Amino acid sequence: MTVKYLTDQSGNTTDVQLSIEDYLKLLERANELPDYVKNGIKRGQEQARNGITKSTDEVMQKYEKGK
């Protein structure tokens, strides 16, 4: 799978580009996911659209505390 990341003038990733073939394969595989996983993906997409995001460091700190 070839993935291209598009960035804005500041270097922030704004889009991801896939070939139609790869996109259709990805959709096919997504339909095989359990509903709870699909719902989690939808929730994450909605949070991203609303600007509710956390850095990788913030997320990893949550899981490192349990060690």
C-alpha atoms as a PDB file:
ATOM      1  CA  MET A   1       0.000   0.000   0.000  1.00  0.00           C
ATOM      2  CA  THR A   2       1.375   3.367  -1.001  1.00  0.00           C
ATOM      3  CA  VAL A   3       0.340   6.227   1.252  1.00  0.00           C
ATOM      4  CA  LYS A   4       1.034   9.892   0.593  1.00  0.00           C
ATOM      5  CA  TYR A   5       0.734  12.471   3.345  1.00  0.00           C
ATOM      6  CA  LEU A   6      -0.195  16.003   2.320  1.00  0.00           C
ATOM      7  CA  THR A   7       0.916  18.905   4.471  1.00  0.00           C
ATOM      8  CA  ASP A   8       0.058  22.548   4.810  1.00  0.00           C
ATOM      9  CA  GLN A   9       2.554  25.412   4.569  1.00  0.00           C
ATOM     10  CA  SER A  10       3.540  24.902   8.209  1.00  0.00           C
ATOM     11  CA  GLY A  11       4.352  21.234   7.688  1.00  0.00           C
ATOM     12  CA  ASN A  12       1.266  19.920   9.495  1.00  0.00           C
ATOM     13  CA  THR A  13      -0.241  16.782   7.965  1.00  0.00           C
ATOM     14  CA  THR A  14      -3.661  17.658   6.612  1.00  0.00           C
ATOM     15  CA  ASP A  15      -4.610  14.756   4.348  1.00  0.00           C
ATOM     16  CA  VAL A  16      -3.739  11.185   3.474  1.00  0.00           C
ATOM     17  CA  GLN A  17      -3.850  10.003  -0.121  1.00  0.00           C
ATOM     18  CA  LEU A  18      -4.373   6.371  -1.185  1.00  0.00           C
ATOM     19  CA  SER A  19      -4.912   4.766  -4.558  1.00  0.00           C
ATOM     20  CA  ILE A  20      -8.543   3.810  -5.284  1.00  0.00           C
ATOM     21  CA  GLU A  21      -7.531   0.138  -5.192  1.00  0.00           C
ATOM     22  CA  ASP A  22      -5.955   0.484  -1.742  1.00  0.00           C
ATOM     23  CA  TYR A  23      -8.888   2.556  -0.503  1.00  0.00           C
ATOM     24  CA  LEU A  24     -11.406  -0.096  -1.587  1.00  0.00           C
ATOM     25  CA  LYS A  25      -9.340  -2.831   0.080  1.00  0.00           C
ATOM     26  CA  LEU A  26      -9.241  -0.766   3.257  1.00  0.00           C
ATOM     27  CA  LEU A  27     -13.021  -0.294   3.162  1.00  0.00           C
ATOM     28  CA  GLU A  28     -13.529  -4.002   2.648  1.00  0.00           C
ATOM     29  CA  ARG A  29     -11.379  -4.815   5.667  1.00  0.00           C
ATOM     30  CA  ALA A  30     -13.095  -2.141   7.770  1.00  0.00           C
ATOM     31  CA  ASN A  31     -16.438  -3.855   7.215  1.00  0.00           C
ATOM     32  CA  GLU A  32     -14.991  -6.961   8.880  1.00  0.00           C
ATOM     33  CA  LEU A  33     -14.312  -5.108  12.138  1.00  0.00           C
ATOM     34  CA  PRO A  34     -16.554  -5.671  15.176  1.00  0.00           C
ATOM     35  CA  ASP A  35     -19.121  -2.945  15.850  1.00  0.00           C
ATOM     36  CA  TYR A  36     -17.346  -1.729  19.004  1.00  0.00           C
ATOM     37  CA  VAL A  37     -14.189  -1.088  16.954  1.00  0.00           C
ATOM     38  CA  LYS A  38     -16.152   0.713  14.198  1.00  0.00           C
ATOM     39  CA  ASN A  39     -17.842   2.850  16.861  1.00  0.00           C
ATOM     40  CA  GLY A  40     -14.465   3.719  18.397  1.00  0.00           C
ATOM     41  CA  ILE A  41     -13.146   4.779  14.998  1.00  0.00           C
ATOM     42  CA  LYS A  42     -16.211   6.954  14.387  1.00  0.00           C
ATOM     43  CA  ARG A  43     -15.835   8.522  17.832  1.00  0.00           C
ATOM     44  CA  GLY A  44     -12.159   9.287  17.142  1.00  0.00           C
ATOM     45  CA  GLN A  45     -12.971  10.827  13.764  1.00  0.00           C
ATOM     46  CA  GLU A  46     -15.630  13.045  15.352  1.00  0.00           C
ATOM     47  CA  GLN A  47     -13.219  14.128  18.093  1.00  0.00           C
ATOM     48  CA  ALA A  48     -10.588  14.985  15.475  1.00  0.00           C
ATOM     49  CA  ARG A  49     -13.107  17.057  13.498  1.00  0.00           C
ATOM     50  CA  ASN A  50     -13.931  18.957  16.701  1.00  0.00           C
ATOM     51  CA  GLY A  51     -10.282  19.512  17.583  1.00  0.00           C
ATOM     52  CA  ILE A  52     -10.434  17.225  20.610  1.00  0.00           C
ATOM     53  CA  THR A  53      -7.090  15.485  20.271  1.00  0.00           C
ATOM     54  CA  LYS A  54      -4.205  14.397  22.480  1.00  0.00           C
ATOM     55  CA  SER A  55      -0.564  14.011  21.645  1.00  0.00           C
ATOM     56  CA  THR A  56       0.984  10.556  21.555  1.00  0.00           C
ATOM     57  CA  ASP A  57       2.975  11.486  24.664  1.00  0.00           C
ATOM     58  CA  GLU A  58      -0.214  12.272  26.606  1.00  0.00           C
ATOM     59  CA  VAL A  59      -1.792   8.961  25.638  1.00  0.00           C
ATOM     60  CA  MET A  60       1.336   6.950  26.422  1.00  0.00           C
ATOM     61  CA  GLN A  61       1.643   8.560  29.877  1.00  0.00           C
ATOM     62  CA  LYS A  62      -1.760   7.120  30.754  1.00  0.00           C
ATOM     63  CA  TYR A  63      -0.560   3.587  29.997  1.00  0.00           C
ATOM     64  CA  GLU A  64       2.906   3.979  31.511  1.00  0.00           C
ATOM     65  CA  LYS A  65       1.351   4.818  34.891  1.00  0.00           C
ATOM     66  CA  GLY A  66      -0.076   1.303  35.081  1.00  0.00           C
ATOM     67  CA  LYS A  67       3.373  -0.342  34.900  1.00  0.00           C
END
